């Protein structure tokens, strides 16, 4: 979102004996207005939520996502820091929505619906999670663990 500053200078009524019809706007007023707008823009768009996510599954995760957030590929034993979250629904100190990804050569994943009992929405903070895998003979499910 771009911030647009528009300065309107309105002519000041001058007496008939004044010959100059120039309006002056003080530099300090312009600078003060610009500084206030800059500070307000910086505080309203600052990233408040940061997630550090580490792949501990033993597999390369392709097209990783959770909730509505697409994270892309995440190789085994690597991490990413995601700062595009505006909000995160947590349950028992973990994200409510499970991570989902394609794993080459693995059969389909186990589908689970999230249950929001005792969940809270967070909009700020730094969180670190590991992605782990639960495997059966014909399916798998990714899940979160708080990083240690």
Protein backbone atom coordinates (compact mmCIF):
# COMPACT_ATOMS: atom_id res chain seq x y z
CA UNK A 1 0.00 0.00 0.00
CA UNK A 2 1.58 3.24 -1.13
CA UNK A 3 1.41 6.34 0.96
CA UNK A 4 0.51 9.49 -0.95
CA UNK A 5 1.14 12.91 0.46
CA UNK A 6 -0.67 15.83 -1.10
CA UNK A 7 0.00 19.39 0.00
CA UNK A 8 -2.66 21.91 -0.89
CA UNK A 9 -1.65 25.53 -0.62
CA UNK A 10 -4.59 27.87 -0.38
CA UNK A 11 -4.01 31.53 -1.23
CA UNK A 12 -4.19 33.83 1.75
CA UNK A 13 -6.38 36.89 1.42
CA UNK A 14 -4.21 39.88 1.25
CA UNK A 15 -5.05 43.51 1.76
CA UNK A 16 -5.35 45.74 -1.24
CA UNK A 17 -2.10 47.52 -0.43
CA UNK A 18 -0.07 44.29 -0.73
CA UNK A 19 1.37 43.74 -4.20
CA UNK A 20 2.78 40.21 -3.83
CA UNK A 21 0.18 37.43 -4.17
CA UNK A 22 2.57 34.61 -3.12
CA UNK A 23 1.62 32.10 -0.42
CA UNK A 24 4.38 30.71 1.77
CA UNK A 25 4.24 27.35 3.53
CA UNK A 26 6.94 26.96 6.12
CA UNK A 27 9.52 24.23 5.60
CA UNK A 28 9.12 23.11 9.20
CA UNK A 29 5.38 22.48 8.66
CA UNK A 30 6.07 20.41 5.54
CA UNK A 31 8.83 18.46 7.30
CA UNK A 32 6.67 17.86 10.40
CA UNK A 33 3.74 16.61 8.29
CA UNK A 34 6.03 14.33 6.28
CA UNK A 35 7.65 12.94 9.43
CA UNK A 36 4.29 12.19 11.07
CA UNK A 37 3.01 10.46 7.90
CA UNK A 38 6.22 8.43 7.63
CA UNK A 39 6.05 7.25 11.25
CA UNK A 40 2.36 6.31 10.93
CA UNK A 41 3.01 4.40 7.71
CA UNK A 42 5.91 2.49 9.29
CA UNK A 43 3.96 1.46 12.36
CA UNK A 44 0.83 0.33 10.54
CA UNK A 45 2.63 -1.89 8.02
CA UNK A 46 5.40 -3.35 10.18
CA UNK A 47 5.72 -7.12 10.28
CA UNK A 48 4.61 -8.24 13.72
CA UNK A 49 4.43 -12.01 13.26
CA UNK A 50 7.43 -14.15 12.35
CA UNK A 51 7.47 -17.95 11.92
CA UNK A 52 10.64 -20.03 11.71
CA UNK A 53 9.77 -23.40 10.19
CA UNK A 54 12.22 -26.34 10.05
CA UNK A 55 11.72 -29.52 8.01
CA UNK A 56 12.55 -32.54 10.22
CA UNK A 57 10.66 -35.15 8.17
CA UNK A 58 13.60 -36.74 6.39
CA UNK A 59 11.99 -35.84 3.03
CA UNK A 60 12.03 -32.91 0.63
CA UNK A 61 8.68 -31.12 1.00
CA UNK A 62 7.21 -29.70 -2.19
CA UNK A 63 4.39 -27.12 -2.33
CA UNK A 64 4.30 -26.71 1.44
CA UNK A 65 1.31 -24.84 2.82
CA UNK A 66 -0.81 -24.47 5.92
CA UNK A 67 -4.06 -22.62 6.40
CA UNK A 68 -4.05 -20.16 3.47
CA UNK A 69 -0.28 -19.57 3.49
CA UNK A 70 1.81 -21.02 0.65
CA UNK A 71 5.43 -21.58 1.68
CA UNK A 72 6.83 -23.39 -1.40
CA UNK A 73 9.53 -26.06 -1.31
CA UNK A 74 11.43 -26.89 1.87
CA UNK A 75 14.34 -29.34 1.63
CA UNK A 76 15.05 -31.79 4.44
CA UNK A 77 16.87 -30.34 7.47
CA UNK A 78 16.43 -26.77 6.27
CA UNK A 79 14.50 -23.83 7.67
CA UNK A 80 12.65 -20.82 6.42
CA UNK A 81 11.47 -17.65 8.10
CA UNK A 82 7.99 -16.57 7.08
CA UNK A 83 6.94 -13.00 7.85
CA UNK A 84 3.91 -12.59 5.58
CA UNK A 85 1.44 -13.85 8.21
CA UNK A 86 -1.06 -11.29 9.41
CA UNK A 87 -2.59 -13.66 11.96
CA UNK A 88 -2.18 -17.23 13.15
CA UNK A 89 -4.70 -19.43 14.93
CA UNK A 90 -2.96 -21.41 17.67
CA UNK A 91 -4.09 -24.36 19.75
CA UNK A 92 -1.94 -25.62 22.62
CA UNK A 93 0.98 -23.43 21.48
CA UNK A 94 0.96 -24.93 17.96
CA UNK A 95 -0.65 -23.72 14.72
CA UNK A 96 -4.21 -25.02 14.44
CA UNK A 97 -3.92 -25.95 10.76
CA UNK A 98 -1.59 -28.82 9.95
CA UNK A 99 1.09 -28.39 7.30
CA UNK A 100 0.40 -30.01 3.93
CA UNK A 101 2.99 -30.85 1.27
CA UNK A 102 3.72 -33.23 -1.59
CA UNK A 103 6.46 -35.77 -0.95
CA UNK A 104 7.81 -37.43 -4.08
CA UNK A 105 7.08 -41.17 -4.23
CA UNK A 106 4.88 -41.15 -1.12
CA UNK A 107 1.21 -42.09 -1.27
CA UNK A 108 -1.53 -39.63 -0.40
CA UNK A 109 -1.69 -37.92 2.94
CA UNK A 110 -4.12 -38.61 5.78
CA UNK A 111 -6.83 -35.94 5.73
CA UNK A 112 -7.85 -34.36 9.02
CA UNK A 113 -10.18 -31.47 9.73
CA UNK A 114 -8.99 -28.88 12.25
CA UNK A 115 -10.87 -28.62 15.55
CA UNK A 116 -10.80 -25.15 17.06
CA UNK A 117 -11.52 -25.97 20.70
CA UNK A 118 -9.57 -23.60 22.98
CA UNK A 119 -7.85 -21.90 20.05
CA UNK A 120 -6.51 -18.35 20.13
CA UNK A 121 -5.58 -15.93 17.39
CA UNK A 122 -2.15 -14.32 17.58
CA UNK A 123 -1.10 -11.29 15.57
CA UNK A 124 2.39 -10.69 16.90
CA UNK A 125 5.40 -12.59 18.18
CA UNK A 126 8.23 -14.83 17.02
CA UNK A 127 7.49 -18.54 16.82
CA UNK A 128 9.62 -21.52 15.82
CA UNK A 129 8.16 -24.87 14.74
CA UNK A 130 9.46 -28.15 13.36
CA UNK A 131 7.53 -30.14 10.78
CA UNK A 132 7.52 -33.87 11.52
CA UNK A 133 5.89 -36.80 9.74
CA UNK A 134 3.62 -39.62 10.88
CA UNK A 135 3.69 -42.52 8.42
CA UNK A 136 1.59 -45.64 8.01
CA UNK A 137 2.08 -48.30 5.35
CA UNK A 138 0.00 -46.40 2.81
CA UNK A 139 -0.35 -42.81 4.06
CA UNK A 140 1.40 -39.97 5.84
CA UNK A 141 0.50 -36.87 7.83
CA UNK A 142 2.66 -33.86 8.60
CA UNK A 143 2.37 -32.23 12.00
CA UNK A 144 3.90 -29.44 14.08
CA UNK A 145 6.22 -29.59 17.06
CA UNK A 146 7.51 -26.59 18.94
CA UNK A 147 11.22 -26.12 18.15
CA UNK A 148 13.58 -26.74 21.03
